[in-house]
C-alpha atoms as a PDB file:
ATOM      1  CA  MET A   1     152.949 106.778  62.873  1.00  0.00           C
ATOM      2  CA  SER A   2     153.899 109.581  65.240  1.00  0.00           C
ATOM      3  CA  ASP A   3     151.157 112.223  63.570  1.00  0.00           C
ATOM      4  CA  GLY A   4     147.973 113.029  65.022  1.00  0.00           C
ATOM      5  CA  GLU A   5     146.552 112.769  68.648  1.00  0.00           C
ATOM      6  CA  ARG A   6     146.118 109.493  71.076  1.00  0.00           C
ATOM      7  CA  LEU A   7     142.572 108.366  71.181  1.00  0.00           C
ATOM      8  CA  GLN A   8     142.335 108.628  74.828  1.00  0.00           C
ATOM      9  CA  LYS A   9     143.917 112.219  74.724  1.00  0.00           C
ATOM     10  CA  LEU A  10     141.687 112.720  72.444  1.00  0.00           C
ATOM     11  CA  LEU A  11     138.393 111.989  74.382  1.00  0.00           C
ATOM     12  CA  ALA A  12     139.792 112.587  77.633  1.00  0.00           C
ATOM     13  CA  GLY A  13     139.918 116.363  76.397  1.00  0.00           C
ATOM     14  CA  ALA A  14     136.565 116.368  75.215  1.00  0.00           C
ATOM     15  CA  GLY A  15     135.544 115.169  79.078  1.00  0.00           C
ATOM     16  CA  LEU A  16     134.105 111.495  78.424  1.00  0.00           C
ATOM     17  CA  GLY A  17     136.315 110.493  81.184  1.00  0.00           C
ATOM     18  CA  SER A  18     140.129 109.659  82.517  1.00  0.00           C
ATOM     19  CA  ARG A  19     142.819 108.210  80.271  1.00  0.00           C
ATOM     20  CA  ARG A  20     143.049 105.305  82.365  1.00  0.00           C
ATOM     21  CA  GLN A  21     139.579 104.708  81.863  1.00  0.00           C
ATOM     22  CA  LEU A  22     139.525 105.282  78.385  1.00  0.00           C
ATOM     23  CA  ASP A  23     142.118 103.048  77.933  1.00  0.00           C
ATOM     24  CA  ALA A  24     140.354  99.918  79.375  1.00  0.00           C
ATOM     25  CA  ALA A  25     137.650 101.452  76.763  1.00  0.00           C
ATOM     26  CA  ILE A  26     139.907 100.990  73.793  1.00  0.00           C
ATOM     27  CA  GLU A  27     141.475  97.331  75.128  1.00  0.00           C
ATOM     28  CA  ARG A  28     137.642  96.443  75.058  1.00  0.00           C
ATOM     29  CA  GLY A  29     137.153  97.651  71.871  1.00  0.00           C
ATOM     30  CA  GLU A  30     134.713 100.127  72.966  1.00  0.00           C
ATOM     31  CA  VAL A  31     136.351 102.672  70.481  1.00  0.00           C
ATOM     32  CA  GLN A  32     135.882 102.618  67.096  1.00  0.00           C
ATOM     33  CA  LEU A  33     137.839 105.054  64.931  1.00  0.00           C
ATOM     34  CA  ASN A  34     136.449 105.674  61.153  1.00  0.00           C
ATOM     35  CA  GLY A  35     134.397 102.627  61.256  1.00  0.00           C
ATOM     36  CA  ARG A  36     136.753 100.481  63.116  1.00  0.00           C
ATOM     37  CA  VAL A  37     137.367  98.527  66.115  1.00  0.00           C
ATOM     38  CA  SER A  38     140.651 101.168  67.344  1.00  0.00           C
ATOM     39  CA  LYS A  39     143.554 100.159  69.771  1.00  0.00           C
ATOM     40  CA  LEU A  40     145.852 101.746  71.893  1.00  0.00           C
ATOM     41  CA  GLY A  41     148.086 103.413  70.117  1.00  0.00           C
ATOM     42  CA  ASP A  42     146.326 104.369  67.614  1.00  0.00           C
ATOM     43  CA  ARG A  43     146.075 108.152  66.288  1.00  0.00           C
ATOM     44  CA  ALA A  44     143.369 110.564  65.056  1.00  0.00           C
ATOM     45  CA  VAL A  45     143.485 113.625  62.710  1.00  0.00           C
ATOM     46  CA  ALA A  46     141.783 116.061  61.429  1.00  0.00           C
ATOM     47  CA  GLY A  47     138.662 114.778  59.563  1.00  0.00           C
ATOM     48  CA  ASP A  48     138.398 111.164  61.121  1.00  0.00           C
ATOM     49  CA  ARG A  49     135.569 110.082  62.568  1.00  0.00           C
ATOM     50  CA  LEU A  50     134.908 108.292  66.470  1.00  0.00           C
ATOM     51  CA  GLN A  51     132.797 106.414  68.369  1.00  0.00           C
ATOM     52  CA  PHE A  52     132.658 106.407  71.488  1.00  0.00           C
ATOM     53  CA  ALA A  53     129.562 104.855  73.938  1.00  0.00           C
ATOM     54  CA  GLY A  54     126.837 105.377  71.402  1.00  0.00           C
ATOM     55  CA  SER A  55     128.164 108.672  69.985  1.00  0.00           C
ATOM     56  CA  ARG A  56     129.542 109.756  66.997  1.00  0.00           C
ATOM     57  CA  TYR A  57     132.207 112.837  67.302  1.00  0.00           C
ATOM     58  CA  ASP A  58     134.525 114.399  64.791  1.00  0.00           C
ATOM     59  CA  VAL A  59     137.912 115.307  64.888  1.00  0.00           C
ATOM     60  CA  VAL A  60     138.561 118.930  64.123  1.00  0.00           C
ATOM     61  CA  THR A  61     141.228 121.801  64.768  1.00  0.00           C
ATOM     62  CA  ASP A  62     141.147 123.207  68.044  1.00  0.00           C
ATOM     63  CA  GLN A  63     141.584 126.644  67.983  1.00  0.00           C
ATOM     64  CA  GLY A  64     140.016 127.158  71.490  1.00  0.00           C
ATOM     65  CA  SER A  65     142.042 127.741  74.981  1.00  0.00           C
ATOM     66  CA  SER A  66     141.260 125.932  78.208  1.00  0.00           C
ATOM     67  CA  ARG A  67     138.903 128.391  80.523  1.00  0.00           C
ATOM     68  CA  VAL A  68     138.181 127.979  84.095  1.00  0.00           C
ATOM     69  CA  ILE A  69     135.415 129.645  86.160  1.00  0.00           C
ATOM     70  CA  MET A  70     134.691 129.797  89.843  1.00  0.00           C
ATOM     71  CA  TYR A  71     130.778 129.251  90.904  1.00  0.00           C
ATOM     72  CA  HIS A  72     129.668 130.131  94.000  1.00  0.00           C
ATOM     73  CA  LYS A  73     127.155 127.524  94.488  1.00  0.00           C
ATOM     74  CA  PRO A  74     123.981 127.800  97.052  1.00  0.00           C
ATOM     75  CA  ILE A  75     122.118 125.475  98.902  1.00  0.00           C
ATOM     76  CA  GLY A  76     119.368 123.801  96.601  1.00  0.00           C
ATOM     77  CA  GLU A  77     120.961 123.269  93.522  1.00  0.00           C
ATOM     78  CA  VAL A  78     122.268 119.771  91.964  1.00  0.00           C
ATOM     79  CA  THR A  79     125.809 119.470  90.177  1.00  0.00           C
ATOM     80  CA  THR A  80     124.468 117.735  87.141  1.00  0.00           C
ATOM     81  CA  ARG A  81     123.296 118.689  83.971  1.00  0.00           C
ATOM     82  CA  SER A  82     119.732 117.415  83.993  1.00  0.00           C
ATOM     83  CA  ASP A  83     117.772 116.383  87.108  1.00  0.00           C
ATOM     84  CA  PRO A  84     114.742 113.385  87.161  1.00  0.00           C
ATOM     85  CA  GLU A  85     113.142 115.683  89.483  1.00  0.00           C
ATOM     86  CA  LYS A  86     113.496 119.033  87.911  1.00  0.00           C
ATOM     87  CA  ARG A  87     115.340 120.403  90.699  1.00  0.00           C
ATOM     88  CA  LYS A  88     118.002 123.577  89.691  1.00  0.00           C
ATOM     89  CA  THR A  89     121.380 122.291  88.609  1.00  0.00           C
ATOM     90  CA  VAL A  90     124.525 124.609  88.678  1.00  0.00           C
ATOM     91  CA  PHE A  91     124.822 124.658  84.709  1.00  0.00           C
ATOM     92  CA  ASP A  92     121.074 126.037  84.162  1.00  0.00           C
ATOM     93  CA  ARG A  93     123.233 129.715  85.618  1.00  0.00           C
ATOM     94  CA  LEU A  94     126.598 129.387  83.432  1.00  0.00           C
ATOM     95  CA  PRO A  95     127.670 131.883  80.776  1.00  0.00           C
ATOM     96  CA  GLN A  96     127.792 130.340  77.442  1.00  0.00           C
ATOM     97  CA  VAL A  97     131.533 128.278  76.323  1.00  0.00           C
ATOM     98  CA  GLU A  98     132.975 126.725  72.876  1.00  0.00           C
ATOM     99  CA  GLY A  99     131.971 122.694  74.257  1.00  0.00           C
ATOM    100  CA  ARG A 100     130.657 122.392  77.322  1.00  0.00           C
ATOM    101  CA  TRP A 101     131.687 122.722  80.968  1.00  0.00           C
ATOM    102  CA  ILE A 102     133.020 120.242  83.482  1.00  0.00           C
ATOM    103  CA  ALA A 103     132.288 120.752  87.014  1.00  0.00           C
ATOM    104  CA  VAL A 104     135.673 119.353  88.929  1.00  0.00           C
ATOM    105  CA  GLY A 105     133.867 117.157  91.209  1.00  0.00           C
ATOM    106  CA  ARG A 106     130.286 117.875  93.069  1.00  0.00           C
ATOM    107  CA  LEU A 107     128.902 119.231  95.728  1.00  0.00           C
ATOM    108  CA  ASP A 108     125.636 118.243  96.808  1.00  0.00           C
ATOM    109  CA  ILE A 109     122.014 119.752  97.258  1.00  0.00           C
ATOM    110  CA  ASN A 110     122.716 120.847 100.937  1.00  0.00           C
ATOM    111  CA  THR A 111     126.667 121.993  99.816  1.00  0.00           C
ATOM    112  CA  SER A 112     126.906 125.380  98.916  1.00  0.00           C
ATOM    113  CA  GLY A 113     130.487 127.178  97.851  1.00  0.00           C
ATOM    114  CA  LEU A 114     132.962 127.123  95.080  1.00  0.00           C
ATOM    115  CA  LEU A 115     132.349 124.785  92.515  1.00  0.00           C
ATOM    116  CA  LEU A 116     135.492 125.060  90.005  1.00  0.00           C
ATOM    117  CA  LEU A 117     133.677 123.995  85.870  1.00  0.00           C
ATOM    118  CA  THR A 118     136.113 123.821  83.027  1.00  0.00           C
ATOM    119  CA  ASN A 119     135.652 123.339  79.400  1.00  0.00           C
ATOM    120  CA  ASP A 120     139.015 121.662  79.578  1.00  0.00           C
ATOM    121  CA  GLY A 121     138.588 117.794  80.247  1.00  0.00           C
ATOM    122  CA  GLU A 122     142.300 116.758  81.132  1.00  0.00           C
ATOM    123  CA  LEU A 123     143.048 119.135  83.665  1.00  0.00           C
ATOM    124  CA  ALA A 124     139.277 118.448  85.119  1.00  0.00           C
ATOM    125  CA  ASN A 125     140.131 114.839  85.791  1.00  0.00           C
ATOM    126  CA  GLN A 126     143.738 115.700  86.778  1.00  0.00           C
ATOM    127  CA  LEU A 127     141.945 117.983  89.300  1.00  0.00           C
ATOM    128  CA  MET A 128     140.192 115.184  90.757  1.00  0.00           C
ATOM    129  CA  HIS A 129     142.376 112.265  90.508  1.00  0.00           C
ATOM    130  CA  PRO A 130     143.444 111.736  94.002  1.00  0.00           C
ATOM    131  CA  SER A 131     147.203 111.256  92.179  1.00  0.00           C
ATOM    132  CA  SER A 132     147.495 114.586  91.540  1.00  0.00           C
ATOM    133  CA  GLY A 133     146.946 115.397  95.260  1.00  0.00           C
ATOM    134  CA  VAL A 134     145.197 118.037  95.067  1.00  0.00           C
ATOM    135  CA  ASP A 135     143.253 119.283  98.676  1.00  0.00           C
ATOM    136  CA  ARG A 136     140.109 120.906  99.478  1.00  0.00           C
ATOM    137  CA  GLU A 137     139.280 122.898 101.937  1.00  0.00           C
ATOM    138  CA  TYR A 138     135.601 123.450 103.860  1.00  0.00           C
ATOM    139  CA  ALA A 139     133.998 125.728 106.400  1.00  0.00           C
ATOM    140  CA  CYS A 140     131.679 123.539 108.475  1.00  0.00           C
ATOM    141  CA  ARG A 141     130.061 124.027 111.441  1.00  0.00           C
ATOM    142  CA  VAL A 142     129.147 121.082 113.982  1.00  0.00           C
ATOM    143  CA  HIS A 143     126.152 120.816 115.933  1.00  0.00           C
ATOM    144  CA  GLY A 144     127.543 118.727 118.912  1.00  0.00           C
ATOM    145  CA  GLU A 145     130.539 118.793 121.773  1.00  0.00           C
ATOM    146  CA  VAL A 146     133.533 118.071 119.689  1.00  0.00           C
ATOM    147  CA  THR A 147     136.758 117.031 122.308  1.00  0.00           C
ATOM    148  CA  ASP A 148     140.118 117.193 120.711  1.00  0.00           C
ATOM    149  CA  GLU A 149     140.107 113.213 121.315  1.00  0.00           C
ATOM    150  CA  MET A 150     137.429 113.346 118.263  1.00  0.00           C
ATOM    151  CA  VAL A 151     139.867 115.698 116.565  1.00  0.00           C
ATOM    152  CA  ALA A 152     142.619 113.575 117.447  1.00  0.00           C
ATOM    153  CA  ARG A 153     141.288 110.404 115.910  1.00  0.00           C
ATOM    154  CA  LEU A 154     139.289 112.629 112.842  1.00  0.00           C
ATOM    155  CA  LYS A 155     143.285 113.424 111.990  1.00  0.00           C
ATOM    156  CA  THR A 156     144.768 109.626 112.266  1.00  0.00           C
ATOM    157  CA  GLY A 157     141.770 108.514 110.571  1.00  0.00           C
ATOM    158  CA  VAL A 158     138.371 106.901 111.297  1.00  0.00           C
ATOM    159  CA  GLN A 159     136.813 103.495 109.451  1.00  0.00           C
ATOM    160  CA  LEU A 160     133.891 104.552 107.114  1.00  0.00           C
ATOM    161  CA  GLU A 161     131.109 102.161 104.871  1.00  0.00           C
ATOM    162  CA  ASP A 162     133.449 102.397 101.670  1.00  0.00           C
ATOM    163  CA  GLY A 163     137.609 102.426 103.681  1.00  0.00           C
ATOM    164  CA  MET A 164     139.344 104.449 105.694  1.00  0.00           C
ATOM    165  CA  ALA A 165     138.957 108.502 105.666  1.00  0.00           C
ATOM    166  CA  CYS A 166     140.513 111.409 107.021  1.00  0.00           C
ATOM    167  CA  PHE A 167     140.923 115.209 107.266  1.00  0.00           C
ATOM    168  CA  SER A 168     144.256 115.894 106.325  1.00  0.00           C
ATOM    169  CA  ASP A 169     143.816 119.504 108.606  1.00  0.00           C
ATOM    170  CA  ILE A 170     140.983 120.909 111.050  1.00  0.00           C
ATOM    171  CA  ILE A 171     141.001 124.424 111.773  1.00  0.00           C
ATOM    172  CA  ALA A 172     138.776 125.631 114.749  1.00  0.00           C
ATOM    173  CA  ARG A 173     137.400 128.628 113.705  1.00  0.00           C
ATOM    174  CA  GLY A 174     135.479 130.022 116.807  1.00  0.00           C
ATOM    175  CA  ASN A 175     132.829 128.465 118.916  1.00  0.00           C
ATOM    176  CA  GLU A 176     129.053 129.388 119.185  1.00  0.00           C
ATOM    177  CA  GLY A 177     128.423 126.604 122.323  1.00  0.00           C
ATOM    178  CA  SER A 178     127.559 123.371 121.507  1.00  0.00           C
ATOM    179  CA  ASN A 179     127.573 124.801 116.870  1.00  0.00           C
ATOM    180  CA  PRO A 180     131.378 125.161 116.620  1.00  0.00           C
ATOM    181  CA  TRP A 181     132.652 125.866 113.139  1.00  0.00           C
ATOM    182  CA  PHE A 182     135.658 124.330 111.822  1.00  0.00           C
ATOM    183  CA  HIS A 183     137.982 124.350 108.255  1.00  0.00           C
ATOM    184  CA  VAL A 184     138.724 121.148 107.392  1.00  0.00           C
ATOM    185  CA  VAL A 185     140.708 119.509 104.457  1.00  0.00           C
ATOM    186  CA  LEU A 186     140.400 116.788 102.601  1.00  0.00           C
ATOM    187  CA  MET A 187     142.682 114.429  99.737  1.00  0.00           C
ATOM    188  CA  GLU A 188     139.795 113.804  97.621  1.00  0.00           C
ATOM    189  CA  GLY A 189     136.172 114.104  97.700  1.00  0.00           C
ATOM    190  CA  LYS A 190     134.256 110.694  98.331  1.00  0.00           C
ATOM    191  CA  ASN A 191     130.303 111.188  98.149  1.00  0.00           C
ATOM    192  CA  ARG A 192     129.367 113.000 100.982  1.00  0.00           C
ATOM    193  CA  GLU A 193     132.746 112.382 103.126  1.00  0.00           C
ATOM    194  CA  VAL A 194     132.894 115.845 105.247  1.00  0.00           C
ATOM    195  CA  ARG A 195     129.082 115.571 106.669  1.00  0.00           C
ATOM    196  CA  ARG A 196     130.104 110.970 107.383  1.00  0.00           C
ATOM    197  CA  LEU A 197     133.635 111.694 108.840  1.00  0.00           C
ATOM    198  CA  TRP A 198     132.104 113.994 112.053  1.00  0.00           C
ATOM    199  CA  GLU A 199     129.211 111.772 111.840  1.00  0.00           C
ATOM    200  CA  SER A 200     131.277 108.944 112.821  1.00  0.00           C
ATOM    201  CA  GLN A 201     132.633 111.223 116.195  1.00  0.00           C
ATOM    202  CA  GLY A 202     128.680 111.029 117.069  1.00  0.00           C
ATOM    203  CA  VAL A 203     127.850 114.570 116.315  1.00  0.00           C
ATOM    204  CA  GLN A 204     125.908 116.678 112.997  1.00  0.00           C
ATOM    205  CA  VAL A 205     127.150 118.717 110.708  1.00  0.00           C
ATOM    206  CA  SER A 206     124.428 121.417 110.144  1.00  0.00           C
ATOM    207  CA  ARG A 207     125.778 123.584 107.389  1.00  0.00           C
ATOM    208  CA  LEU A 208     128.452 123.713 105.085  1.00  0.00           C
ATOM    209  CA  LYS A 209     131.051 124.827 102.375  1.00  0.00           C
ATOM    210  CA  ARG A 210     133.350 124.539  99.754  1.00  0.00           C
ATOM    211  CA  VAL A 211     135.780 127.712  99.814  1.00  0.00           C
ATOM    212  CA  ARG A 212     139.167 126.270  98.518  1.00  0.00           C
ATOM    213  CA  TYR A 213     140.245 124.014  95.444  1.00  0.00           C
ATOM    214  CA  GLY A 214     143.539 123.875  95.227  1.00  0.00           C
ATOM    215  CA  PRO A 215     144.975 126.382  95.271  1.00  0.00           C
ATOM    216  CA  VAL A 216     142.490 128.353  94.473  1.00  0.00           C
ATOM    217  CA  PHE A 217     139.491 130.180  97.190  1.00  0.00           C
ATOM    218  CA  ILE A 218     136.313 131.572  96.650  1.00  0.00           C
ATOM    219  CA  PRO A 219     136.690 135.581  96.643  1.00  0.00           C
ATOM    220  CA  ALA A 220     134.187 137.041  99.826  1.00  0.00           C
ATOM    221  CA  ARG A 221     133.660 139.135  96.319  1.00  0.00           C
ATOM    222  CA  LEU A 222     131.929 136.460  94.407  1.00  0.00           C
ATOM    223  CA  ARG A 223     128.290 136.604  95.863  1.00  0.00           C
ATOM    224  CA  GLN A 224     126.004 132.814  95.648  1.00  0.00           C
ATOM    225  CA  ARG A 225     124.353 132.371  91.508  1.00  0.00           C
ATOM    226  CA  TYR A 226     127.658 134.292  89.987  1.00  0.00           C
ATOM    227  CA  THR A 227     130.572 133.439  88.000  1.00  0.00           C
ATOM    228  CA  GLU A 228     134.280 134.586  87.771  1.00  0.00           C
ATOM    229  CA  GLU A 229     136.345 133.599  85.491  1.00  0.00           C
ATOM    230  CA  LEU A 230     139.994 132.924  86.328  1.00  0.00           C
ATOM    231  CA  SER A 231     142.543 134.836  84.343  1.00  0.00           C
ATOM    232  CA  PRO A 232     144.805 132.316  81.354  1.00  0.00           C
ATOM    233  CA  ARG A 233     147.918 133.023  83.602  1.00  0.00           C
ATOM    234  CA  ASP A 234     145.721 131.490  86.308  1.00  0.00           C
ATOM    235  CA  VAL A 235     144.749 128.912  84.228  1.00  0.00           C
ATOM    236  CA  ALA A 236     147.946 127.840  83.239  1.00  0.00           C
ATOM    237  CA  VAL A 237     149.568 127.615  86.729  1.00  0.00           C
ATOM    238  CA  LEU A 238     146.596 125.673  87.741  1.00  0.00           C
ATOM    239  CA  ARG A 239     147.450 122.945  84.693  1.00  0.00           C
ATOM    240  CA  GLU A 240     150.927 123.116  86.048  1.00  0.00           C
ATOM    241  CA  ASP A 241     150.215 122.160  89.422  1.00  0.00           C
ATOM    242  CA  VAL A 242     148.475 119.101  88.588  1.00  0.00           C
ATOM    243  CA  GLY A 243     151.619 118.088  85.895  1.00  0.00           C
ATOM    244  CA  LEU A 244     149.968 119.510  82.918  1.00  0.00           C
ATOM    245  CA  PRO A 245     151.820 121.439  79.710  1.00  0.00           C
ATOM    246  CA  ALA A 246     150.362 124.632  78.442  1.00  0.00           C
ATOM    247  CA  LYS A 247     147.137 123.675  75.745  1.00  0.00           C
ATOM    248  CA  ASN A 248     147.879 124.360  72.755  1.00  0.00           C
ATOM    249  CA  THR A 249     145.974 124.775  69.711  1.00  0.00           C
ATOM    250  CA  GLY A 250     145.961 120.648  68.842  1.00  0.00           C
ATOM    251  CA  LEU A 251     142.760 118.498  67.920  1.00  0.00           C
ATOM    252  CA  THR A 252     139.358 118.141  69.508  1.00  0.00           C
ATOM    253  CA  LEU A 253     135.951 116.522  69.050  1.00  0.00           C
ATOM    254  CA  VAL A 254     133.083 117.938  67.986  1.00  0.00           C
ATOM    255  CA  LYS A 255     129.974 115.888  68.452  1.00  0.00           C
ATOM    256  CA  GLN A 256     127.769 114.757  65.894  1.00  0.00           C
ATOM    257  CA  ARG A 257     123.734 115.207  65.732  1.00  0.00           C
ATOM    258  CA  ALA A 258     121.128 113.996  63.095  1.00  0.00           C
ATOM    259  CA  GLY A 259     120.883 115.943  59.762  1.00  0.00           C
ATOM    260  CA  ARG A 260     123.857 118.247  61.232  1.00  0.00           C
ATOM    261  CA  ALA A 261     127.319 116.116  61.113  1.00  0.00           C
ATOM    262  CA  THR A 262     130.020 118.393  62.263  1.00  0.00           C
ATOM    263  CA  ASP A 263     127.520 120.866  65.027  1.00  0.00           C
ATOM    264  CA  ARG A 264     129.642 121.632  68.026  1.00  0.00           C
ATOM    265  CA  THR A 265     127.694 120.219  71.655  1.00  0.00           C
ATOM    266  CA  VAL A 266     126.833 121.483  74.475  1.00  0.00           C
ATOM    267  CA  ASP A 267     124.957 123.831  75.844  1.00  0.00           C
ATOM    268  CA  ALA A 268     121.340 122.612  74.755  1.00  0.00           C
ATOM    269  CA  ARG A 269     120.029 125.706  76.650  1.00  0.00           C
ATOM    270  CA  PRO A 270     118.507 128.143  74.139  1.00  0.00           C
ATOM    271  CA  LYS A 271     120.070 131.157  72.638  1.00  0.00           C
ATOM    272  CA  ASP A 272     119.398 134.052  74.144  1.00  0.00           C
ATOM    273  CA  ASN A 273     119.624 137.255  71.426  1.00  0.00           C
ATOM    274  CA  ASN A 274     119.616 140.062  74.017  1.00  0.00           C
ATOM    275  CA  LYS A 275     122.017 138.791  75.905  1.00  0.00           C
ATOM    276  CA  ARG A 276     124.402 140.895  76.597  1.00  0.00           C
ATOM    277  CA  ARG A 277     128.081 140.191  74.785  1.00  0.00           C
ATOM    278  CA  ALA A 278     131.848 138.592  75.982  1.00  0.00           C
ATOM    279  CA  PRO A 279     133.370 141.038  77.892  1.00  0.00           C
ATOM    280  CA  ARG A 280     136.561 142.104  75.061  1.00  0.00           C
ATOM    281  CA  ARG A 281     139.217 140.054  74.960  1.00  0.00           C
ATOM    282  CA  GLY A 282     141.879 141.483  77.998  1.00  0.00           C
ATOM    283  CA  SER A 283     138.817 143.478  79.369  1.00  0.00           C
ATOM    284  CA  PRO A 284     139.452 142.032  83.197  1.00  0.00           C
ATOM    285  CA  PRO A 285     136.902 139.116  85.139  1.00  0.00           C
ATOM    286  CA  ARG A 286     133.785 140.572  86.815  1.00  0.00           C
ATOM    287  CA  SER A 287     130.901 138.402  89.151  1.00  0.00           C
ATOM    288  CA  ARG A 288     127.979 138.097  86.621  1.00  0.00           C
ATOM    289  CA  ARG A 289     124.415 136.956  86.707  1.00  0.00           C
ATOM    290  CA  PRO A 290     124.009 135.122  83.670  1.00  0.00           C
ATOM    291  CA  ARG A 291     120.611 135.803  81.912  1.00  0.00           C
END
């Protein structure tokens, strides 16, 4: 039957995993459609119900569109929705969204700079997947002497504990004696990869900031802890860059809550009735600090 949408596409669009991961979950019998274990090829239509990973979802018509924001992350915030240690998270300061914000990759607590977030799970997965070839650029200050031989090794590839890794490009950006600055480019985002690559050469990264993710550069006007939204045209270009078509009205998932089976979730923060209204459609994006 050709009506409806494939389950793995629906689940991926809700940010619940990549299509490959969700294909495997369906094959393992971990997804139920209307109370029955689903199989690859099953499709859902508006009004159906899905169950996956301990949660239940209603399938509804999606009238929304893909949104992407840039967030200038400061040092000291973690890229997680809730932290057991009660540290500040990047999600504490984001504007409201229909659905939920999904972080495109992570920045560790000691790294600042550009963090992309989107309500489009399919786009987030494509931007993060190595097969898409989306590179990331970082500015880093290195403590210690950096030789031409070290730079050559880092571009050729060195063995880390989780496999071979390298910078696709390294550009010197000024020298402060034993603390030179470099811009480095990675094709994937393994945990602490920039720091571990430099540490493999006997030097330490003392400052690290992400300045670009794919075609998106952090603008100089965007201050720390502020957000700026990409225009619909820029979002369409971003989707095209990773091989995705323009997003049309389709289906989406609404997570069920106890006693409120069709309550759209995601932003668990308390509502602020005094917050400023969102700018009218067509207004230019602007930096702002959400309350």
